Protein backbone atom coordinates (compact mmCIF):
# COMPACT_ATOMS: atom_id res chain seq x y z
CA MET A 1 81.80 132.92 324.56
CA THR A 2 81.86 136.34 322.98
CA GLU A 3 78.86 137.82 321.23
CA LYS A 4 80.67 137.48 317.90
CA LYS A 5 81.36 133.78 318.42
CA ALA A 6 77.77 133.17 319.49
CA VAL A 7 76.45 134.85 316.33
CA GLU A 8 78.93 132.93 314.15
CA LEU A 9 77.80 129.66 315.75
CA LEU A 10 74.11 130.37 315.13
CA MET A 11 74.75 131.53 311.56
CA SER A 12 76.81 128.41 310.81
CA GLN A 13 73.78 126.30 311.77
CA ASP A 14 71.53 128.15 309.32
CA LYS A 15 69.61 129.84 312.13
CA ILE A 16 67.80 133.13 311.72
CA VAL A 17 69.55 135.57 314.04
CA ILE A 18 67.95 138.86 315.11
CA ILE A 19 70.11 141.19 317.19
CA SER A 20 69.47 144.68 318.50
CA THR A 21 72.88 146.34 318.69
CA HIS A 22 74.86 149.53 318.38
CA ASP A 23 78.03 147.47 317.84
CA PRO A 24 79.16 148.05 314.24
CA THR A 25 81.10 144.77 314.17
CA LEU A 26 78.03 142.71 315.04
CA ALA A 27 75.82 144.74 312.71
CA LEU A 28 78.15 144.24 309.74
CA MET A 29 78.27 140.47 310.30
CA ALA A 30 74.65 140.28 309.17
CA ASP A 31 73.53 139.83 305.58
CA LYS A 32 70.86 142.48 306.21
CA ARG A 33 70.34 145.24 308.75
CA ILE A 34 66.99 146.64 309.78
CA VAL A 35 67.20 150.32 310.68
CA ILE A 36 64.66 151.39 313.30
CA LYS A 37 63.64 155.06 313.44
CA ASN A 38 60.83 156.67 315.41
CA GLY A 39 59.63 153.27 316.62
CA GLY A 40 59.31 151.63 313.22
CA ILE A 41 61.27 150.04 310.41
CA TYR A 42 62.94 152.89 308.52
CA LYS A 43 64.86 150.82 305.99
CA ILE A 44 66.50 147.48 305.33
CA ILE A 45 70.13 147.52 304.19
CA GLU A 46 71.94 144.60 302.59
CA THR A 47 75.57 144.37 303.68
CA SER A 48 77.80 145.25 300.73
CA VAL A 49 81.16 143.83 299.67
CA ASN A 50 82.78 147.10 300.76
CA GLU A 51 81.16 146.84 304.19
CA ARG A 52 82.55 143.30 304.53
CA LYS A 53 86.03 144.75 303.92
CA ILE A 54 85.37 147.38 306.57
CA LEU A 55 84.23 144.60 308.93
CA ASN A 56 87.63 142.93 308.52
CA LYS A 57 89.34 146.20 309.49
CA LEU A 58 87.02 146.66 312.48
CA GLU A 59 87.79 143.14 313.69
CA GLY A 60 91.50 143.95 313.57
CA ILE A 61 90.94 147.14 315.54
CA ASP A 62 88.83 145.24 318.11
CA GLU A 63 91.60 142.65 318.54
CA TYR A 64 94.18 145.40 319.03
CA LEU A 65 92.02 147.16 321.63
CA GLU A 66 91.37 143.89 323.46
CA THR A 67 95.13 143.25 323.62
CA LEU A 68 95.71 146.75 325.02
CA ARG A 69 92.99 146.27 327.64
CA ASN A 70 94.39 142.92 328.71
CA ASN A 71 97.92 144.30 328.94
CA LEU A 72 96.70 147.20 331.09
CA ARG A 73 94.72 144.85 333.34
CA ASN A 74 97.82 142.71 333.78
CA GLY A 75 99.91 145.70 334.84
CA GLN A 76 101.98 145.87 331.70
CA LYS A 77 103.31 149.04 330.10
CA ILE A 78 101.77 150.13 326.85
CA ASN A 79 104.13 151.01 324.03
CA GLY A 80 102.93 152.85 320.92
């Protein structure tokens, strides 16, 4: 199970999910993000409608990159 699927599963069951990540896709899945700076909470950001649109684009990019990686691992040629 991927991290994304695990988070989706927990969120679908109305669980509180706290993740420490540098992955923008996982971060944008959240309703809110806590920004840590100098060891403390710097700010809390609510995910906007525009950020949700960006998340959709990021997911498409991630899928494309995963396909490229799998093709390379399977010895296939990569065409642009």
